């Protein structure tokens, strides 16, 4: 299984800020059979590695893109870094990332 990106589960929109939030999920692609699966991010997962995966995410191949669409899985983009960092590290995430 190769991690190909991140997605959100149980998406909620804050009516005051109009920002989406939800549970961060890792999206994996099986290199042997092509199966796509999502796994919940655990509290002991490396938040920095997860943020790096988001920053370094590349477009998936055509077959994986079709499967993602069939499963109604939208991958997060590097533009969603703030949302992911807040979900993993809290509102004061800049102090954790040295920003």
N, C-alpha and C. Protein backbone atom coordinates (compact mmCIF):
# COMPACT_ATOMS: atom_id res chain seq x y z
N UNK A 1 0.84 -1.17 0.00
CA UNK A 1 0.00 0.00 0.00
C UNK A 1 0.89 1.24 0.00
N UNK A 2 0.55 2.14 -0.87
CA UNK A 2 1.28 3.39 -0.98
C UNK A 2 0.35 4.55 -0.63
N UNK A 3 0.76 5.42 0.30
CA UNK A 3 -0.09 6.58 0.60
C UNK A 3 -0.08 7.54 -0.58
N UNK A 4 -1.28 7.95 -1.00
CA UNK A 4 -1.36 8.86 -2.15
C UNK A 4 -1.92 10.22 -1.78
N UNK A 5 -2.42 10.36 -0.57
CA UNK A 5 -2.95 11.66 -0.17
C UNK A 5 -3.80 11.59 1.06
N UNK A 6 -4.50 12.69 1.30
CA UNK A 6 -5.37 12.84 2.47
C UNK A 6 -6.77 13.23 2.00
N UNK A 7 -7.75 12.89 2.80
CA UNK A 7 -9.13 13.30 2.55
C UNK A 7 -9.80 13.58 3.88
N UNK A 8 -11.00 14.11 3.82
CA UNK A 8 -11.78 14.38 5.03
C UNK A 8 -12.96 13.44 5.11
N UNK A 9 -13.28 13.00 6.31
CA UNK A 9 -14.46 12.18 6.59
C UNK A 9 -15.36 12.99 7.52
N UNK A 10 -16.66 12.81 7.37
CA UNK A 10 -17.63 13.53 8.20
C UNK A 10 -17.42 15.04 8.12
N UNK A 11 -17.47 15.56 6.92
CA UNK A 11 -17.23 16.98 6.68
C UNK A 11 -18.34 17.82 7.31
N UNK A 12 -17.92 18.82 8.06
CA UNK A 12 -18.84 19.79 8.66
C UNK A 12 -18.39 21.18 8.23
N UNK A 13 -19.35 22.05 7.98
CA UNK A 13 -19.04 23.43 7.63
C UNK A 13 -19.47 24.32 8.79
N UNK A 14 -18.54 25.12 9.29
CA UNK A 14 -18.83 26.05 10.35
C UNK A 14 -19.71 27.16 9.78
N UNK A 15 -20.91 27.36 10.31
CA UNK A 15 -21.81 28.36 9.74
C UNK A 15 -21.31 29.79 9.90
N UNK A 16 -20.42 30.03 10.83
CA UNK A 16 -19.91 31.38 11.06
C UNK A 16 -18.71 31.71 10.19
N UNK A 17 -17.81 30.75 10.02
CA UNK A 17 -16.59 31.00 9.22
C UNK A 17 -16.68 30.44 7.81
N UNK A 18 -17.67 29.58 7.57
CA UNK A 18 -17.84 28.90 6.29
C UNK A 18 -16.64 28.01 5.94
N UNK A 19 -15.86 27.60 6.95
CA UNK A 19 -14.72 26.71 6.74
C UNK A 19 -15.14 25.27 7.00
N UNK A 20 -14.65 24.38 6.16
CA UNK A 20 -14.94 22.95 6.32
C UNK A 20 -13.96 22.33 7.31
N UNK A 21 -14.42 21.31 8.01
CA UNK A 21 -13.55 20.55 8.89
C UNK A 21 -14.07 19.11 8.90
N UNK A 22 -13.28 18.23 9.41
CA UNK A 22 -13.66 16.83 9.48
C UNK A 22 -12.48 15.99 9.94
N UNK A 23 -12.70 14.71 9.98
CA UNK A 23 -11.65 13.78 10.41
C UNK A 23 -10.68 13.54 9.25
N UNK A 24 -9.39 13.70 9.51
CA UNK A 24 -8.37 13.49 8.48
C UNK A 24 -8.19 12.00 8.26
N UNK A 25 -8.20 11.60 6.99
CA UNK A 25 -8.02 10.20 6.60
C UNK A 25 -6.85 10.10 5.63
N UNK A 26 -6.03 9.07 5.81
CA UNK A 26 -4.97 8.75 4.84
C UNK A 26 -5.57 7.90 3.73
N UNK A 27 -5.25 8.23 2.50
CA UNK A 27 -5.74 7.46 1.36
C UNK A 27 -4.56 6.64 0.82
N UNK A 28 -4.77 5.33 0.73
CA UNK A 28 -3.74 4.40 0.24
C UNK A 28 -4.18 3.76 -1.06
N UNK A 29 -3.19 3.45 -1.89
CA UNK A 29 -3.43 2.76 -3.16
C UNK A 29 -2.57 1.50 -3.16
N UNK A 30 -3.22 0.35 -3.31
CA UNK A 30 -2.48 -0.92 -3.34
C UNK A 30 -1.77 -1.04 -4.67
N UNK A 31 -0.46 -1.23 -4.63
CA UNK A 31 0.32 -1.34 -5.86
C UNK A 31 0.12 -2.68 -6.54
N UNK A 32 -0.34 -3.69 -5.81
CA UNK A 32 -0.54 -5.03 -6.39
C UNK A 32 -1.89 -5.15 -7.09
N UNK A 33 -2.98 -4.74 -6.40
CA UNK A 33 -4.32 -4.96 -6.96
C UNK A 33 -5.03 -3.68 -7.38
N UNK A 34 -4.49 -2.52 -7.01
CA UNK A 34 -5.09 -1.25 -7.39
C UNK A 34 -6.19 -0.76 -6.45
N UNK A 35 -6.44 -1.48 -5.37
CA UNK A 35 -7.50 -1.11 -4.43
C UNK A 35 -7.16 0.21 -3.73
N UNK A 36 -8.18 1.04 -3.53
CA UNK A 36 -8.04 2.28 -2.80
C UNK A 36 -8.68 2.08 -1.42
N UNK A 37 -8.00 2.50 -0.36
CA UNK A 37 -8.58 2.41 0.97
C UNK A 37 -8.23 3.66 1.77
N UNK A 38 -9.07 3.96 2.76
CA UNK A 38 -8.85 5.11 3.63
C UNK A 38 -8.70 4.62 5.06
N UNK A 39 -7.75 5.21 5.77
CA UNK A 39 -7.53 4.87 7.16
C UNK A 39 -7.51 6.14 7.99
N UNK A 40 -8.16 6.09 9.12
CA UNK A 40 -8.21 7.22 10.02
C UNK A 40 -6.81 7.52 10.56
N UNK A 41 -6.49 8.80 10.69
CA UNK A 41 -5.23 9.20 11.30
C UNK A 41 -5.35 8.98 12.79
N UNK A 42 -4.38 8.30 13.37
CA UNK A 42 -4.38 8.01 14.81
C UNK A 42 -3.60 9.08 15.56
N UNK A 43 -3.87 9.18 16.84
CA UNK A 43 -3.22 10.18 17.67
C UNK A 43 -1.71 10.02 17.75
N UNK A 44 -1.20 8.79 17.56
CA UNK A 44 0.24 8.58 17.66
C UNK A 44 0.93 8.59 16.29
N UNK A 45 0.18 8.92 15.23
CA UNK A 45 0.80 9.06 13.91
C UNK A 45 1.66 10.32 13.89
N UNK A 46 2.68 10.33 13.07
CA UNK A 46 3.60 11.45 12.96
C UNK A 46 2.93 12.58 12.18
N UNK A 47 2.51 13.63 12.87
CA UNK A 47 1.80 14.75 12.24
C UNK A 47 2.67 15.42 11.18
N UNK A 48 3.96 15.56 11.45
CA UNK A 48 4.87 16.19 10.49
C UNK A 48 4.92 15.38 9.19
N UNK A 49 5.00 14.05 9.29
CA UNK A 49 5.04 13.20 8.09
C UNK A 49 3.73 13.32 7.30
N UNK A 50 2.62 13.45 8.01
CA UNK A 50 1.33 13.58 7.34
C UNK A 50 1.26 14.91 6.59
N UNK A 51 1.73 15.98 7.22
CA UNK A 51 1.74 17.28 6.56
C UNK A 51 2.69 17.26 5.35
N UNK A 52 3.82 16.59 5.48
CA UNK A 52 4.75 16.45 4.35
C UNK A 52 4.10 15.68 3.20
N UNK A 53 3.33 14.63 3.52
CA UNK A 53 2.62 13.89 2.48
C UNK A 53 1.68 14.82 1.73
N UNK A 54 0.99 15.68 2.44
CA UNK A 54 0.08 16.63 1.81
C UNK A 54 0.86 17.60 0.91
N UNK A 55 1.96 18.14 1.42
CA UNK A 55 2.76 19.11 0.66
C UNK A 55 3.36 18.49 -0.59
N UNK A 56 3.74 17.21 -0.51
CA UNK A 56 4.42 16.54 -1.62
C UNK A 56 3.47 15.75 -2.51
N UNK A 57 2.15 15.88 -2.27
CA UNK A 57 1.21 15.09 -3.06
C UNK A 57 1.29 15.48 -4.52
N UNK A 58 1.24 14.47 -5.36
CA UNK A 58 1.30 14.65 -6.82
C UNK A 58 0.01 14.11 -7.41
N UNK A 59 -0.30 14.53 -8.62
CA UNK A 59 -1.51 13.97 -9.26
C UNK A 59 -1.40 12.45 -9.38
N UNK A 60 -2.52 11.76 -9.16
CA UNK A 60 -2.54 10.31 -9.26
C UNK A 60 -2.72 9.89 -10.71
N UNK A 61 -2.39 8.63 -11.00
CA UNK A 61 -2.56 8.16 -12.37
C UNK A 61 -4.05 8.08 -12.73
N UNK A 62 -4.34 7.90 -14.01
CA UNK A 62 -5.72 7.95 -14.49
C UNK A 62 -6.60 6.88 -13.87
N UNK A 63 -6.08 5.65 -13.72
CA UNK A 63 -6.87 4.56 -13.14
C UNK A 63 -7.22 4.86 -11.68
N UNK A 64 -6.25 5.35 -10.91
CA UNK A 64 -6.51 5.69 -9.51
C UNK A 64 -7.50 6.86 -9.43
N UNK A 65 -7.39 7.83 -10.35
CA UNK A 65 -8.32 8.96 -10.36
C UNK A 65 -9.75 8.49 -10.61
N UNK A 66 -9.93 7.52 -11.49
CA UNK A 66 -11.26 6.97 -11.77
C UNK A 66 -11.81 6.27 -10.53
N UNK A 67 -10.97 5.48 -9.85
CA UNK A 67 -11.41 4.78 -8.65
C UNK A 67 -11.76 5.76 -7.54
N UNK A 68 -10.97 6.82 -7.38
CA UNK A 68 -11.26 7.83 -6.37
C UNK A 68 -12.61 8.48 -6.65
N UNK A 69 -12.88 8.76 -7.91
CA UNK A 69 -14.16 9.38 -8.27
C UNK A 69 -15.32 8.42 -8.01
N UNK A 70 -15.14 7.14 -8.35
CA UNK A 70 -16.18 6.14 -8.10
C UNK A 70 -16.49 6.02 -6.61
N UNK A 71 -15.47 6.13 -5.78
CA UNK A 71 -15.63 6.02 -4.33
C UNK A 71 -16.01 7.35 -3.68
N UNK A 72 -16.13 8.38 -4.51
CA UNK A 72 -16.48 9.72 -4.02
C UNK A 72 -15.47 10.22 -2.99
N UNK A 73 -14.19 10.03 -3.29
CA UNK A 73 -13.10 10.46 -2.42
C UNK A 73 -12.39 11.63 -3.10
N UNK A 74 -12.44 12.77 -2.46
CA UNK A 74 -11.72 13.94 -2.96
C UNK A 74 -10.45 14.13 -2.16
N UNK A 75 -9.33 14.16 -2.85
CA UNK A 75 -8.05 14.35 -2.17
C UNK A 75 -7.84 15.81 -1.83
N UNK A 76 -7.28 16.04 -0.65
CA UNK A 76 -6.91 17.39 -0.25
C UNK A 76 -5.67 17.81 -1.03
N UNK A 77 -5.50 19.10 -1.21
CA UNK A 77 -4.36 19.64 -1.94
C UNK A 77 -3.46 20.41 -0.96
N UNK A 78 -2.26 20.78 -1.40
CA UNK A 78 -1.40 21.59 -0.53
C UNK A 78 -2.07 22.88 -0.06
N UNK A 79 -3.08 23.35 -0.79
CA UNK A 79 -3.82 24.54 -0.36
C UNK A 79 -4.57 24.30 0.95
N UNK A 80 -4.78 23.04 1.31
CA UNK A 80 -5.50 22.67 2.54
C UNK A 80 -4.56 22.46 3.72
N UNK A 81 -3.31 22.91 3.62
CA UNK A 81 -2.33 22.68 4.68
C UNK A 81 -2.79 23.27 6.02
N UNK A 82 -3.38 24.45 6.00
CA UNK A 82 -3.83 25.08 7.24
C UNK A 82 -4.88 24.22 7.92
N UNK A 83 -5.84 23.71 7.16
CA UNK A 83 -6.90 22.86 7.69
C UNK A 83 -6.32 21.59 8.31
N UNK A 84 -5.39 20.95 7.62
CA UNK A 84 -4.78 19.70 8.10
C UNK A 84 -3.94 19.96 9.35
N UNK A 85 -3.13 21.03 9.33
CA UNK A 85 -2.28 21.34 10.48
C UNK A 85 -3.14 21.64 11.71
N UNK A 86 -4.23 22.36 11.54
CA UNK A 86 -5.12 22.66 12.67
C UNK A 86 -5.77 21.39 13.21
N UNK A 87 -6.16 20.48 12.31
CA UNK A 87 -6.80 19.23 12.74
C UNK A 87 -5.81 18.34 13.50
N UNK A 88 -4.56 18.34 13.08
CA UNK A 88 -3.57 17.46 13.69
C UNK A 88 -2.92 18.07 14.94
N UNK A 89 -2.67 19.37 14.92
CA UNK A 89 -1.86 19.99 15.97
C UNK A 89 -2.60 21.04 16.79
N UNK A 90 -3.80 21.42 16.38
CA UNK A 90 -4.56 22.44 17.10
C UNK A 90 -4.35 23.82 16.50
N UNK A 91 -5.06 24.79 17.07
CA UNK A 91 -5.03 26.15 16.52
C UNK A 91 -3.68 26.83 16.63
N UNK A 92 -2.85 26.40 17.55
CA UNK A 92 -1.53 27.01 17.72
C UNK A 92 -0.45 26.21 16.99
N UNK A 93 -0.81 25.64 15.83
CA UNK A 93 0.09 24.73 15.12
C UNK A 93 1.38 25.40 14.67
N UNK A 94 1.39 26.72 14.46
CA UNK A 94 2.61 27.38 14.00
C UNK A 94 3.77 27.17 14.95
N UNK A 95 3.49 27.12 16.26
CA UNK A 95 4.58 26.93 17.22
C UNK A 95 5.18 25.53 17.11
N UNK A 96 4.39 24.55 16.67
CA UNK A 96 4.90 23.19 16.48
C UNK A 96 5.74 23.06 15.23
N UNK A 97 5.40 23.85 14.20
CA UNK A 97 6.10 23.77 12.92
C UNK A 97 7.23 24.76 12.80
N UNK A 98 7.44 25.58 13.85
CA UNK A 98 8.53 26.52 13.84
C UNK A 98 8.27 27.70 12.92
N UNK A 99 7.01 28.06 12.73
CA UNK A 99 6.68 29.19 11.85
C UNK A 99 6.55 30.46 12.64
